[in-house]
N, C-alpha and C. Protein backbone atom coordinates (compact mmCIF):
# COMPACT_ATOMS: atom_id res chain seq x y z
N MET A 1 31.67 -73.57 2.19
CA MET A 1 32.04 -74.57 3.97
C MET A 1 33.17 -75.42 3.57
N GLN A 2 33.44 -75.20 5.01
CA GLN A 2 35.01 -75.99 5.11
C GLN A 2 35.22 -76.51 6.39
N ASP A 3 35.05 -77.84 7.36
CA ASP A 3 34.68 -77.87 8.26
C ASP A 3 36.64 -78.66 9.10
N ASN A 4 36.42 -77.59 10.21
CA ASN A 4 37.93 -77.91 10.29
C ASN A 4 38.57 -79.26 11.15
N TYR A 5 37.94 -80.43 10.88
CA TYR A 5 38.46 -81.59 10.66
C TYR A 5 40.26 -81.57 10.41
N ASN A 6 40.98 -81.81 11.12
CA ASN A 6 42.57 -81.97 11.12
C ASN A 6 43.10 -83.52 10.84
N THR A 7 43.57 -83.75 9.41
CA THR A 7 43.58 -85.09 9.62
C THR A 7 45.19 -85.42 10.53
N ASN A 8 45.82 -84.42 10.18
CA ASN A 8 46.83 -84.27 11.26
C ASN A 8 47.06 -85.09 12.62
N SER A 9 45.94 -85.03 12.99
CA SER A 9 45.67 -85.07 14.69
C SER A 9 45.66 -86.68 15.04
N LYS A 10 45.56 -87.25 13.78
CA LYS A 10 45.41 -88.41 13.56
C LYS A 10 46.11 -89.50 14.04
N LYS A 11 46.30 -90.43 15.20
CA LYS A 11 47.46 -91.64 15.30
C LYS A 11 47.36 -92.59 14.68
N GLY A 12 46.17 -92.66 13.90
CA GLY A 12 45.96 -94.48 13.76
C GLY A 12 46.95 -94.46 12.33
N LEU A 13 46.56 -95.68 11.49
CA LEU A 13 46.61 -96.00 10.48
C LEU A 13 45.54 -96.06 9.11
N PHE A 14 45.53 -95.04 7.82
CA PHE A 14 44.33 -95.46 7.29
C PHE A 14 44.85 -96.37 6.18
N ILE A 15 43.92 -97.43 5.86
CA ILE A 15 44.89 -98.34 4.56
C ILE A 15 43.30 -98.64 4.15
N SER A 16 43.34 -97.97 2.64
CA SER A 16 41.93 -98.19 1.83
C SER A 16 42.63 -99.63 0.79
N PHE A 17 41.58 -100.32 0.18
CA PHE A 17 41.66 -101.50 -0.83
C PHE A 17 41.18 -101.14 -1.90
N GLU A 18 41.80 -101.70 -3.09
CA GLU A 18 40.67 -100.95 -4.32
C GLU A 18 40.91 -101.56 -5.70
N GLY A 19 40.01 -101.60 -6.67
CA GLY A 19 40.56 -102.59 -7.67
C GLY A 19 38.92 -102.51 -8.35
N GLY A 20 39.01 -103.43 -9.36
CA GLY A 20 37.61 -103.67 -10.19
C GLY A 20 37.19 -104.88 -9.49
N GLU A 21 36.29 -104.85 -10.06
CA GLU A 21 34.96 -106.23 -9.96
C GLU A 21 35.98 -107.75 -9.31
N GLY A 22 35.67 -108.85 -8.70
CA GLY A 22 36.27 -109.81 -8.25
C GLY A 22 38.17 -109.96 -7.83
N VAL A 23 38.49 -108.96 -7.43
CA VAL A 23 39.60 -108.72 -7.66
C VAL A 23 40.18 -109.65 -6.04
N GLY A 24 39.03 -109.27 -5.42
CA GLY A 24 39.89 -110.39 -3.57
C GLY A 24 39.57 -109.26 -2.97
N LYS A 25 38.92 -108.55 -2.83
CA LYS A 25 39.80 -107.10 -1.46
C LYS A 25 39.01 -107.37 -0.28
N SER A 26 37.97 -108.16 -0.57
CA SER A 26 37.21 -108.66 1.14
C SER A 26 37.96 -109.56 1.43
N THR A 27 38.54 -110.52 0.43
CA THR A 27 39.44 -111.92 1.22
C THR A 27 40.71 -111.08 2.05
N GLN A 28 41.61 -110.25 1.00
CA GLN A 28 43.12 -109.85 1.72
C GLN A 28 42.61 -108.66 2.75
N ILE A 29 41.20 -108.45 2.83
CA ILE A 29 41.26 -107.34 4.12
C ILE A 29 40.95 -108.42 5.37
N ASP A 30 40.08 -109.34 5.05
CA ASP A 30 40.05 -110.31 6.32
C ASP A 30 41.19 -110.79 7.14
N LEU A 31 41.86 -111.21 6.17
CA LEU A 31 43.61 -111.81 5.84
C LEU A 31 44.40 -110.85 6.74
N LEU A 32 44.31 -109.33 6.60
CA LEU A 32 45.39 -108.78 7.27
C LEU A 32 44.82 -107.97 8.48
N LYS A 33 43.06 -108.08 8.33
CA LYS A 33 42.73 -107.91 9.68
C LYS A 33 43.49 -108.78 10.80
N LEU A 34 43.14 -110.08 10.34
CA LEU A 34 43.60 -111.41 11.34
C LEU A 34 45.13 -111.68 11.37
N TYR A 35 46.22 -110.75 10.61
CA TYR A 35 47.26 -110.92 10.95
C TYR A 35 47.60 -110.21 11.69
N PHE A 36 46.96 -109.05 12.00
CA PHE A 36 47.32 -107.44 13.23
C PHE A 36 46.51 -108.45 14.73
N PHE A 37 45.28 -109.32 14.63
CA PHE A 37 45.12 -109.42 15.68
C PHE A 37 45.56 -110.42 16.73
N LYS A 38 46.89 -110.96 15.50
CA LYS A 38 47.60 -111.72 16.13
C LYS A 38 48.75 -111.29 16.60
N LYS A 39 48.80 -109.99 15.54
CA LYS A 39 50.22 -109.00 16.45
C LYS A 39 49.35 -108.19 17.90
N LYS A 40 48.43 -108.47 17.98
CA LYS A 40 47.44 -107.57 19.30
C LYS A 40 47.74 -106.03 19.04
N VAL A 41 47.92 -105.60 17.64
CA VAL A 41 47.34 -104.52 17.17
C VAL A 41 46.18 -104.19 16.89
N LYS A 42 45.75 -102.91 17.40
CA LYS A 42 43.90 -102.33 16.79
C LYS A 42 43.60 -102.30 15.91
N VAL A 43 42.99 -102.75 15.09
CA VAL A 43 42.43 -102.78 14.24
C VAL A 43 40.87 -103.08 13.74
N ILE A 44 40.16 -102.49 12.59
CA ILE A 44 38.60 -102.40 12.53
C ILE A 44 39.22 -102.48 11.19
N SER A 45 37.94 -103.22 10.60
CA SER A 45 38.00 -103.03 9.31
C SER A 45 36.17 -102.31 8.77
N THR A 46 35.77 -102.12 7.50
CA THR A 46 34.76 -101.45 7.20
C THR A 46 34.66 -101.33 5.94
N ARG A 47 34.02 -100.25 5.02
CA ARG A 47 33.79 -100.67 3.49
C ARG A 47 32.73 -99.41 3.26
N GLU A 48 32.61 -99.16 1.71
CA GLU A 48 31.52 -98.24 1.27
C GLU A 48 31.63 -99.31 0.05
N PRO A 49 30.56 -98.58 -0.10
CA PRO A 49 29.14 -97.81 -0.18
C PRO A 49 28.62 -98.83 1.82
N GLY A 50 28.54 -98.13 2.53
CA GLY A 50 28.00 -98.86 3.97
C GLY A 50 28.85 -97.96 5.20
N GLY A 51 29.78 -99.36 5.93
CA GLY A 51 30.29 -98.61 7.23
C GLY A 51 29.17 -98.19 7.91
N THR A 52 28.62 -97.45 8.10
CA THR A 52 27.63 -96.90 9.52
C THR A 52 26.35 -97.85 9.54
N GLU A 53 25.37 -98.00 9.98
CA GLU A 53 24.16 -98.72 10.32
C GLU A 53 23.49 -97.80 8.62
N GLU A 54 23.22 -96.75 8.72
CA GLU A 54 22.61 -95.96 8.22
C GLU A 54 23.17 -95.98 6.67
N GLY A 55 24.81 -96.13 6.69
CA GLY A 55 25.39 -96.31 5.15
C GLY A 55 24.85 -97.93 4.55
N GLU A 56 25.11 -99.00 5.36
CA GLU A 56 24.72 -100.36 4.68
C GLU A 56 23.21 -100.61 4.46
N PHE A 57 22.14 -99.82 5.15
CA PHE A 57 20.69 -99.90 4.86
C PHE A 57 20.67 -98.97 3.01
N ILE A 58 21.50 -98.47 2.98
CA ILE A 58 21.57 -97.42 1.57
C ILE A 58 22.55 -98.36 0.51
N ARG A 59 23.57 -98.94 1.02
CA ARG A 59 24.28 -99.21 0.14
C ARG A 59 23.20 -100.43 -1.02
N LYS A 60 22.56 -101.04 -0.31
CA LYS A 60 21.79 -102.19 -0.99
C LYS A 60 21.10 -101.58 -2.47
N PHE A 61 20.79 -100.03 -2.34
CA PHE A 61 19.94 -99.27 -3.30
C PHE A 61 21.08 -99.50 -3.96
N LEU A 62 22.39 -98.86 -3.88
CA LEU A 62 23.60 -98.24 -5.33
C LEU A 62 24.08 -99.58 -5.62
N VAL A 63 24.38 -100.58 -4.78
CA VAL A 63 24.76 -101.71 -5.68
C VAL A 63 24.44 -102.76 -6.28
N SER A 64 22.75 -102.71 -6.40
CA SER A 64 22.09 -103.86 -6.73
C SER A 64 20.88 -103.45 -7.48
N GLY A 65 20.41 -103.94 -8.08
CA GLY A 65 18.94 -103.62 -8.96
C GLY A 65 19.77 -103.26 -10.63
N ASP A 66 18.98 -102.52 -11.06
CA ASP A 66 19.20 -102.40 -12.20
C ASP A 66 20.59 -101.55 -13.22
N LYS A 67 20.99 -101.58 -13.84
CA LYS A 67 22.25 -100.64 -14.08
C LYS A 67 22.34 -99.57 -13.86
N HIS A 68 20.97 -98.85 -14.79
CA HIS A 68 20.61 -97.47 -15.23
C HIS A 68 19.59 -97.09 -13.90
N SER A 69 19.70 -97.32 -12.49
CA SER A 69 19.28 -97.21 -11.47
C SER A 69 19.53 -95.39 -11.19
N TRP A 70 20.98 -95.11 -11.10
CA TRP A 70 21.00 -94.05 -10.63
C TRP A 70 22.07 -92.93 -11.76
N ASP A 71 22.20 -92.10 -11.71
CA ASP A 71 22.86 -92.03 -13.07
C ASP A 71 24.52 -91.36 -12.20
N PRO A 72 25.75 -90.91 -12.74
CA PRO A 72 26.78 -90.92 -12.07
C PRO A 72 26.84 -89.69 -11.01
N TYR A 73 25.83 -88.82 -11.30
CA TYR A 73 25.73 -87.60 -10.28
C TYR A 73 25.10 -87.90 -9.35
N SER A 74 24.24 -88.51 -8.92
CA SER A 74 23.24 -89.07 -8.20
C SER A 74 24.37 -89.92 -7.38
N GLU A 75 25.49 -90.77 -7.83
CA GLU A 75 25.25 -91.54 -6.94
C GLU A 75 26.81 -91.17 -6.64
N LEU A 76 27.21 -89.87 -6.87
CA LEU A 76 28.35 -89.36 -6.75
C LEU A 76 27.63 -88.49 -5.13
N LEU A 77 26.91 -88.14 -5.25
CA LEU A 77 26.33 -86.84 -4.43
C LEU A 77 25.57 -88.19 -2.86
N LEU A 78 25.13 -89.01 -3.03
CA LEU A 78 24.87 -90.01 -2.67
C LEU A 78 26.90 -90.90 -1.63
N PHE A 79 27.29 -91.13 -2.55
CA PHE A 79 28.48 -91.56 -1.82
C PHE A 79 29.00 -90.84 -1.53
N ASN A 80 29.18 -89.08 -1.18
CA ASN A 80 29.80 -88.11 -0.82
C ASN A 80 28.85 -88.26 0.20
N ALA A 81 27.63 -88.06 0.74
CA ALA A 81 27.03 -87.88 2.09
C ALA A 81 27.30 -89.23 2.87
N LEU A 82 27.20 -90.30 2.44
CA LEU A 82 27.49 -91.71 3.24
C LEU A 82 28.59 -91.63 3.74
N ARG A 83 30.28 -90.64 3.19
CA ARG A 83 31.68 -91.32 3.36
C ARG A 83 31.76 -89.93 4.30
N ARG A 84 30.65 -89.03 4.46
CA ARG A 84 31.18 -88.26 5.79
C ARG A 84 30.18 -88.13 7.10
N GLU A 85 29.27 -89.19 6.36
CA GLU A 85 29.08 -90.15 8.10
C GLU A 85 30.22 -91.20 8.21
N HIS A 86 30.55 -92.23 7.38
CA HIS A 86 31.28 -92.73 7.16
C HIS A 86 32.75 -92.28 8.13
N ILE A 87 34.00 -91.52 7.84
CA ILE A 87 34.25 -90.49 8.48
C ILE A 87 33.67 -90.24 9.55
N ASN A 88 32.98 -89.70 9.81
CA ASN A 88 32.52 -89.06 10.89
C ASN A 88 32.17 -89.83 12.40
N LYS A 89 31.07 -91.09 11.84
CA LYS A 89 30.82 -92.05 13.16
C LYS A 89 32.28 -93.42 13.06
N ILE A 90 33.04 -93.63 12.45
CA ILE A 90 33.79 -94.82 12.18
C ILE A 90 35.09 -94.21 12.38
N ILE A 91 35.39 -94.22 10.87
CA ILE A 91 37.02 -93.94 10.70
C ILE A 91 37.66 -92.89 11.35
N ASN A 92 37.16 -91.90 11.69
CA ASN A 92 38.27 -90.47 12.30
C ASN A 92 37.98 -90.75 13.74
N PRO A 93 37.14 -91.50 14.54
CA PRO A 93 37.50 -91.65 16.03
C PRO A 93 38.14 -93.34 16.08
N SER A 94 38.16 -93.89 15.06
CA SER A 94 38.83 -94.85 15.33
C SER A 94 40.62 -94.35 14.63
N LEU A 95 40.83 -93.53 14.06
CA LEU A 95 42.07 -93.17 13.78
C LEU A 95 42.91 -92.41 15.06
N LYS A 96 42.03 -91.35 15.21
CA LYS A 96 42.09 -90.74 16.99
C LYS A 96 42.15 -91.33 18.00
N ASN A 97 41.68 -92.64 17.66
CA ASN A 97 42.20 -93.89 18.82
C ASN A 97 43.31 -94.66 18.86
N GLY A 98 43.62 -94.04 17.88
CA GLY A 98 45.18 -94.66 17.58
C GLY A 98 45.05 -96.39 16.79
N ASP A 99 43.77 -97.06 15.96
CA ASP A 99 43.84 -98.05 15.95
C ASP A 99 44.15 -97.51 13.95
N ILE A 100 44.59 -99.22 13.69
CA ILE A 100 44.64 -99.26 11.94
C ILE A 100 43.06 -99.11 11.34
N VAL A 101 42.94 -98.74 10.62
CA VAL A 101 41.61 -98.84 9.98
C VAL A 101 41.95 -99.64 8.50
N LEU A 102 41.27 -100.93 8.11
CA LEU A 102 41.11 -100.99 6.67
C LEU A 102 39.88 -100.80 5.80
N CYS A 103 39.96 -100.45 5.03
CA CYS A 103 38.32 -99.87 4.01
C CYS A 103 38.78 -100.40 2.51
N ASP A 104 37.82 -101.62 2.68
CA ASP A 104 37.28 -101.72 1.52
C ASP A 104 36.66 -100.67 0.23
N ARG A 105 37.35 -99.75 -0.68
CA ARG A 105 36.51 -98.77 -1.13
C ARG A 105 36.90 -97.51 -0.42
N PHE A 106 37.09 -96.16 -1.14
CA PHE A 106 37.56 -95.37 -0.50
C PHE A 106 37.12 -94.02 -2.14
N ILE A 107 37.45 -93.17 -1.49
CA ILE A 107 37.35 -92.32 -2.49
C ILE A 107 37.71 -92.51 -4.03
N ASP A 108 38.93 -92.77 -3.90
CA ASP A 108 39.57 -93.72 -5.27
C ASP A 108 38.98 -94.28 -5.87
N SER A 109 37.96 -95.08 -5.19
CA SER A 109 36.79 -95.69 -6.45
C SER A 109 35.25 -95.29 -6.83
N THR A 110 35.35 -93.78 -6.32
CA THR A 110 34.33 -92.50 -6.57
C THR A 110 35.02 -91.92 -7.73
N ILE A 111 36.60 -91.63 -8.05
CA ILE A 111 37.77 -91.09 -8.83
C ILE A 111 36.96 -91.63 -9.81
N ILE A 112 37.10 -93.07 -10.15
CA ILE A 112 36.97 -94.34 -10.72
C ILE A 112 36.27 -94.45 -11.54
N TYR A 113 35.14 -95.00 -10.61
CA TYR A 113 33.70 -95.51 -11.04
C TYR A 113 32.77 -93.78 -11.88
N GLN A 114 32.83 -92.75 -10.67
CA GLN A 114 31.81 -91.94 -10.96
C GLN A 114 32.47 -91.01 -11.93
N GLY A 115 33.89 -91.08 -12.04
CA GLY A 115 35.00 -89.85 -12.24
C GLY A 115 35.35 -90.47 -14.44
N VAL A 116 36.13 -91.32 -14.10
CA VAL A 116 36.70 -91.96 -15.27
C VAL A 116 35.79 -92.67 -15.85
N ALA A 117 34.82 -93.39 -15.41
CA ALA A 117 33.61 -94.23 -16.09
C ALA A 117 32.89 -93.63 -16.01
N GLY A 118 32.10 -92.93 -15.05
CA GLY A 118 30.55 -91.89 -15.62
C GLY A 118 30.91 -90.96 -16.31
N SER A 119 32.35 -90.14 -16.39
CA SER A 119 32.36 -88.84 -17.17
C SER A 119 31.86 -87.25 -15.93
N VAL A 120 31.99 -87.53 -14.62
CA VAL A 120 32.06 -86.49 -13.56
C VAL A 120 33.33 -85.92 -13.66
N ASN A 121 33.14 -84.47 -13.80
CA ASN A 121 34.90 -83.54 -13.79
C ASN A 121 35.27 -84.07 -12.09
N GLU A 122 36.70 -84.69 -12.89
CA GLU A 122 37.39 -85.13 -11.94
C GLU A 122 37.55 -83.76 -10.42
N GLU A 123 37.67 -82.84 -11.21
CA GLU A 123 37.86 -81.39 -10.44
C GLU A 123 36.45 -80.98 -9.16
N LEU A 124 35.17 -81.43 -9.54
CA LEU A 124 34.20 -81.53 -8.87
C LEU A 124 34.15 -82.68 -7.87
N LEU A 125 34.61 -83.62 -8.43
CA LEU A 125 34.68 -84.60 -7.44
C LEU A 125 35.46 -84.27 -5.97
N LEU A 126 36.39 -84.01 -6.40
CA LEU A 126 37.49 -83.12 -5.35
C LEU A 126 37.14 -82.58 -4.88
N ASN A 127 36.91 -81.62 -5.26
CA ASN A 127 36.32 -80.32 -4.43
C ASN A 127 34.85 -80.57 -3.64
N LEU A 128 34.13 -81.64 -3.85
CA LEU A 128 32.95 -82.12 -2.77
C LEU A 128 33.68 -82.87 -2.10
N HIS A 129 35.04 -83.15 -2.16
CA HIS A 129 35.38 -84.13 -0.93
C HIS A 129 36.29 -83.36 -0.38
N ARG A 130 36.86 -81.96 -0.71
CA ARG A 130 37.49 -81.26 0.42
C ARG A 130 36.45 -80.94 1.00
N THR A 131 35.49 -80.05 0.50
CA THR A 131 34.49 -79.54 1.11
C THR A 131 33.49 -80.19 2.67
N PHE A 132 33.11 -81.62 1.85
CA PHE A 132 32.39 -82.29 2.65
C PHE A 132 33.11 -83.25 2.97
N CYS A 133 33.77 -84.02 2.71
CA CYS A 133 34.94 -85.16 3.43
C CYS A 133 36.52 -84.63 3.99
N TYR A 134 36.45 -83.45 4.24
CA TYR A 134 37.61 -83.18 4.70
C TYR A 134 39.14 -83.26 4.13
N ASP A 135 38.70 -83.49 2.95
CA ASP A 135 40.11 -84.07 1.79
C ASP A 135 40.79 -85.23 2.44
N LEU A 136 40.06 -86.00 3.18
CA LEU A 136 41.10 -87.55 4.11
C LEU A 136 41.15 -88.56 2.74
N PHE A 137 42.28 -88.93 2.55
CA PHE A 137 42.63 -90.01 1.64
C PHE A 137 43.85 -90.94 2.49
N PRO A 138 43.47 -92.34 2.36
CA PRO A 138 43.95 -93.14 2.93
C PRO A 138 45.79 -93.18 3.16
N ASP A 139 46.59 -93.21 3.83
CA ASP A 139 47.94 -93.51 4.34
C ASP A 139 48.28 -93.94 3.40
N ILE A 140 47.60 -95.45 2.67
CA ILE A 140 48.05 -96.75 2.03
C ILE A 140 46.97 -97.50 0.95
N THR A 141 47.02 -97.49 -0.33
CA THR A 141 45.84 -97.67 -0.95
C THR A 141 46.52 -99.00 -1.78
N PHE A 142 45.87 -99.95 -1.11
CA PHE A 142 46.27 -101.67 -2.10
C PHE A 142 45.13 -101.57 -3.06
N PHE A 143 46.37 -101.19 -4.43
CA PHE A 143 45.45 -101.88 -5.90
C PHE A 143 45.54 -102.80 -6.08
N LEU A 144 44.73 -104.04 -6.02
CA LEU A 144 44.66 -105.20 -6.66
C LEU A 144 44.03 -104.99 -8.57
N SER A 145 45.13 -105.31 -8.61
CA SER A 145 44.86 -105.21 -10.32
C SER A 145 45.11 -106.78 -10.64
N LEU A 146 43.92 -106.23 -11.77
CA LEU A 146 43.02 -108.19 -12.72
C LEU A 146 42.61 -107.69 -13.87
N ASN A 147 42.95 -108.63 -14.81
CA ASN A 147 41.83 -108.02 -16.00
C ASN A 147 40.70 -107.96 -15.63
N PRO A 148 39.95 -107.37 -16.09
CA PRO A 148 38.53 -107.32 -15.88
C PRO A 148 37.68 -108.28 -16.46
N LYS A 149 38.36 -109.02 -17.05
CA LYS A 149 37.69 -110.54 -17.89
C LYS A 149 37.85 -111.65 -16.68
N LEU A 150 39.13 -111.58 -16.26
CA LEU A 150 38.99 -112.80 -15.18
C LEU A 150 38.55 -112.49 -14.14
N GLY A 151 38.11 -111.11 -13.57
CA GLY A 151 37.77 -110.21 -12.17
C GLY A 151 36.02 -110.76 -12.17
N LEU A 152 35.57 -110.41 -13.70
CA LEU A 152 34.40 -110.40 -13.64
C LEU A 152 33.50 -111.89 -13.49
N ALA A 153 34.74 -112.97 -14.19
CA ALA A 153 34.32 -114.41 -14.05
C ALA A 153 34.19 -114.80 -12.55
N ARG A 154 35.05 -114.28 -12.02
CA ARG A 154 35.07 -114.70 -10.73
C ARG A 154 33.80 -114.18 -10.14
N THR A 155 33.24 -112.82 -10.47
CA THR A 155 32.34 -112.91 -9.24
C THR A 155 30.74 -113.10 -9.40
N LYS A 156 30.35 -114.58 -10.51
CA LYS A 156 29.95 -115.24 -10.42
C LYS A 156 30.05 -116.49 -9.04
N PHE A 157 30.79 -116.63 -8.53
CA PHE A 157 30.89 -117.13 -7.74
C PHE A 157 31.00 -116.90 -6.00
N ARG A 158 30.40 -115.70 -5.95
CA ARG A 158 30.74 -114.51 -4.65
C ARG A 158 29.27 -115.23 -4.61
N ASN A 159 28.83 -115.28 -3.13
CA ASN A 159 28.18 -115.41 -2.17
C ASN A 159 27.07 -113.59 -2.22
N ASN A 160 27.37 -112.77 -2.36
CA ASN A 160 26.38 -111.22 -2.72
C ASN A 160 26.55 -111.84 -4.06
N ASN A 161 26.20 -112.34 -4.94
CA ASN A 161 25.24 -112.25 -6.27
C ASN A 161 24.19 -111.43 -6.26
N ASN A 162 23.98 -110.54 -5.51
CA ASN A 162 22.61 -109.90 -5.70
C ASN A 162 23.27 -108.55 -5.42
N GLU A 163 24.44 -108.26 -5.25
CA GLU A 163 24.97 -106.84 -5.33
C GLU A 163 25.71 -106.72 -6.38
N ASN A 164 24.89 -106.80 -7.64
CA ASN A 164 25.72 -107.04 -8.46
C ASN A 164 25.93 -105.67 -9.92
N ARG A 165 25.07 -104.56 -9.18
CA ARG A 165 24.84 -103.98 -10.34
C ARG A 165 26.24 -103.04 -11.04
N PHE A 166 27.49 -103.28 -10.07
CA PHE A 166 28.29 -102.59 -11.43
C PHE A 166 28.57 -103.79 -12.07
N GLU A 167 28.60 -104.53 -12.42
CA GLU A 167 28.93 -106.11 -13.07
C GLU A 167 28.25 -106.51 -14.41
N LYS A 168 27.08 -105.58 -13.74
CA LYS A 168 26.19 -105.53 -15.04
C LYS A 168 26.25 -104.54 -16.46
N MET A 169 27.38 -103.88 -16.05
CA MET A 169 27.67 -102.63 -17.02
C MET A 169 28.68 -103.28 -17.98
N GLY A 170 28.74 -104.40 -18.43
CA GLY A 170 29.59 -104.53 -19.44
C GLY A 170 31.83 -104.76 -19.36
N LEU A 171 31.79 -105.08 -20.29
CA LEU A 171 33.45 -105.86 -20.17
C LEU A 171 33.80 -104.25 -20.94
N LEU A 172 33.28 -103.27 -21.78
CA LEU A 172 34.17 -101.91 -21.84
C LEU A 172 33.91 -101.24 -20.77
N TYR A 173 32.97 -101.25 -19.83
CA TYR A 173 33.17 -100.14 -18.52
C TYR A 173 34.14 -100.96 -17.68
N HIS A 174 34.24 -102.16 -17.72
CA HIS A 174 35.22 -102.46 -16.18
C HIS A 174 37.26 -102.04 -16.98
N GLN A 175 36.81 -102.65 -18.58
CA GLN A 175 38.42 -102.01 -18.85
C GLN A 175 38.66 -100.51 -18.69
N LYS A 176 37.76 -99.54 -18.91
CA LYS A 176 37.78 -98.40 -18.40
C LYS A 176 38.28 -98.03 -16.95
N ILE A 177 37.36 -98.94 -15.82
CA ILE A 177 37.61 -99.14 -14.44
C ILE A 177 39.22 -99.05 -14.22
N GLN A 178 39.58 -100.36 -14.93
CA GLN A 178 41.06 -100.75 -14.78
C GLN A 178 42.43 -99.72 -15.49
N ASP A 179 41.51 -99.87 -16.21
CA ASP A 179 42.69 -98.53 -16.66
C ASP A 179 42.99 -97.48 -16.14
N GLY A 180 41.64 -96.72 -15.54
CA GLY A 180 41.72 -95.99 -14.75
C GLY A 180 42.05 -95.79 -13.23
N TYR A 181 42.39 -97.06 -12.61
CA TYR A 181 42.81 -97.36 -11.58
C TYR A 181 44.17 -97.10 -12.14
N LYS A 182 44.81 -97.97 -13.10
CA LYS A 182 46.48 -97.95 -13.06
C LYS A 182 46.93 -96.07 -13.44
N ALA A 183 46.04 -95.50 -13.66
CA ALA A 183 47.05 -94.16 -14.02
C ALA A 183 47.00 -93.70 -12.70
N LEU A 184 45.54 -93.64 -12.03
CA LEU A 184 45.52 -93.28 -11.33
C LEU A 184 46.62 -93.66 -9.77
N SER A 185 47.51 -95.01 -10.02
CA SER A 185 48.01 -95.31 -9.01
C SER A 185 49.44 -94.68 -9.42
N LYS A 186 49.85 -94.47 -10.43
CA LYS A 186 50.69 -93.55 -11.18
C LYS A 186 50.38 -92.47 -10.89
N LYS A 187 49.72 -91.40 -10.77
CA LYS A 187 49.28 -90.33 -9.90
C LYS A 187 49.40 -90.46 -8.17
N TYR A 188 49.12 -90.79 -7.82
CA TYR A 188 49.02 -91.25 -6.15
C TYR A 188 50.23 -92.17 -5.97
N ASN A 189 51.40 -92.04 -6.45
CA ASN A 189 52.31 -93.45 -6.22
C ASN A 189 52.97 -93.10 -4.72
N ASN A 190 52.76 -91.73 -4.17
CA ASN A 190 53.29 -92.02 -2.66
C ASN A 190 52.63 -92.66 -1.87
N ARG A 191 50.84 -93.06 -2.67
CA ARG A 191 50.42 -94.05 -1.95
C ARG A 191 49.43 -95.45 -2.40
N PHE A 192 49.94 -95.14 -3.33
CA PHE A 192 49.12 -96.55 -4.19
C PHE A 192 50.41 -97.68 -4.27
N ILE A 193 49.74 -98.57 -3.83
CA ILE A 193 50.74 -100.32 -4.43
C ILE A 193 49.84 -101.04 -4.53
N GLU A 194 50.65 -101.02 -5.63
CA GLU A 194 49.82 -102.07 -7.09
C GLU A 194 50.39 -103.36 -6.47
N ILE A 195 48.96 -104.80 -6.71
CA ILE A 195 49.16 -106.05 -6.46
C ILE A 195 48.97 -106.32 -7.20
N ASN A 196 49.27 -107.96 -8.43
CA ASN A 196 49.20 -108.57 -9.10
C ASN A 196 47.93 -109.44 -8.59
N ALA A 197 46.52 -109.58 -8.70
CA ALA A 197 45.83 -109.86 -8.28
C ALA A 197 45.73 -111.45 -9.03
N GLU A 198 46.81 -111.39 -10.05
CA GLU A 198 46.41 -113.21 -10.39
C GLU A 198 47.31 -113.61 -9.45
N LEU A 199 47.80 -113.49 -8.65
CA LEU A 199 48.30 -114.66 -7.80
C LEU A 199 48.00 -115.25 -6.50
N THR A 200 48.36 -116.35 -6.29
CA THR A 200 47.01 -116.66 -5.21
C THR A 200 46.87 -116.03 -4.01
N VAL A 201 46.18 -116.42 -3.41
CA VAL A 201 45.58 -115.71 -2.14
C VAL A 201 46.37 -115.62 -1.26
N GLU A 202 47.47 -116.62 -1.32
CA GLU A 202 48.55 -116.29 0.26
C GLU A 202 49.20 -115.94 -0.39
N GLN A 203 50.01 -115.83 -1.39
CA GLN A 203 50.69 -114.92 -2.05
C GLN A 203 50.55 -113.46 -1.92
N ILE A 204 49.53 -113.14 -2.02
CA ILE A 204 48.90 -111.67 -2.06
C ILE A 204 48.95 -110.85 -0.96
N SER A 205 48.83 -111.64 0.28
CA SER A 205 48.66 -111.98 1.59
C SER A 205 50.11 -111.54 1.88
N GLU A 206 51.03 -112.35 1.42
CA GLU A 206 52.31 -112.02 1.70
C GLU A 206 52.97 -110.41 1.41
N GLU A 207 52.92 -110.26 0.17
CA GLU A 207 52.64 -109.28 -0.05
C GLU A 207 52.23 -108.05 0.18
N ILE A 208 51.20 -107.71 0.73
CA ILE A 208 50.77 -107.18 1.60
C ILE A 208 51.67 -106.87 3.16
N ASN A 209 51.38 -107.93 3.43
CA ASN A 209 51.76 -107.92 5.21
C ASN A 209 53.00 -107.30 4.81
N LYS A 210 54.07 -107.30 3.86
CA LYS A 210 55.24 -107.59 3.65
C LYS A 210 55.42 -105.76 3.71
N HIS A 211 54.39 -104.99 2.59
CA HIS A 211 54.59 -103.72 2.76
C HIS A 211 53.87 -102.93 3.63
N VAL A 212 53.07 -103.64 4.67
CA VAL A 212 52.49 -103.18 5.66
C VAL A 212 53.69 -103.19 6.69
N ASN A 213 54.30 -103.75 6.99
CA ASN A 213 55.62 -103.49 8.16
C ASN A 213 56.36 -103.12 7.71
N SER A 214 56.64 -102.99 6.53
CA SER A 214 57.74 -101.83 5.63
C SER A 214 57.27 -100.67 6.77
N ILE A 215 55.99 -100.12 5.65
CA ILE A 215 56.05 -99.30 6.58
C ILE A 215 55.34 -98.66 7.27
N ILE A 216 55.34 -99.75 8.49
CA ILE A 216 55.42 -99.50 9.64
C ILE A 216 56.29 -99.39 11.02
N GLN A 217 57.42 -99.71 10.32
CA GLN A 217 58.78 -100.27 11.00
C GLN A 217 59.38 -98.61 10.15
N SER A 218 58.94 -97.59 9.08
CA SER A 218 59.68 -96.66 8.83
C SER A 218 58.86 -95.60 9.82
N ASN A 219 57.98 -95.80 10.21
CA ASN A 219 57.05 -94.50 11.13
C ASN A 219 57.24 -95.02 12.69
N ASP A 220 57.81 -95.63 13.09
CA ASP A 220 58.17 -95.61 14.57
C ASP A 220 59.57 -94.84 14.74
C-alpha cells in the first residue's frame, strides 16, 4: 500500500520538538508560537500522541498508567494509527494552507522510544512510516538536550503528573533515550538542531528564534 500524498505540495513549514522527559518542549513551543503571532505569521501547535480529538482521547491510555501497560510493538502500531489521522486532519491541511506547524514529538520519538529503547527494528519503524504516514518528516527538528537525571527531576513539578508512564521506566531507560537522540541528531543533521536545555528558558527561546529566522530567510 502506498498513498498518493506528495510532501512536495506543502507550502508551510513543519517544525518538531524532540527530547527526553522534562526538557521543556511545551514551554518552548508556546514561546515560539507567541513569537510568530507577534509577527503575524500563521502558526498552529499540536502534539503526539494526540493532536486530533480521537488522538487526545487515546493519548491518556498511552502516557499514563502502569509502565508495562503496552509493549513497544503495540505502542508502535497505536502511534502510527494516531499519526496517520494527525497528518490527515491537522498537519497536512495546515501545511497546504501555508501555515507553520509546531509539533511536540513526531516520528523521531517513535524511532527513539519504541526503536532504541524498546528494541523494535528501525527498518520496520520506517517502513510503517513510509507505508501509512506518507514518509513525512519535519523540515526542522529542535532537539532539546538534557541530562536525564535533571529532566526526570523537573517532571516532578509538572501540572500533568498523571501523564508519567514513561517517566516510571527508570534512569537507564532514559539514558538510552538521551543517547539515542544524540545519535539521531548526527544521522539527520540536515534538519536536527541540538539545543542545550540546561540554558534558561529565555536563552533557549532566543536560540530557537535565531535558527528559525535564519531558515525562513534562506527559504524566501
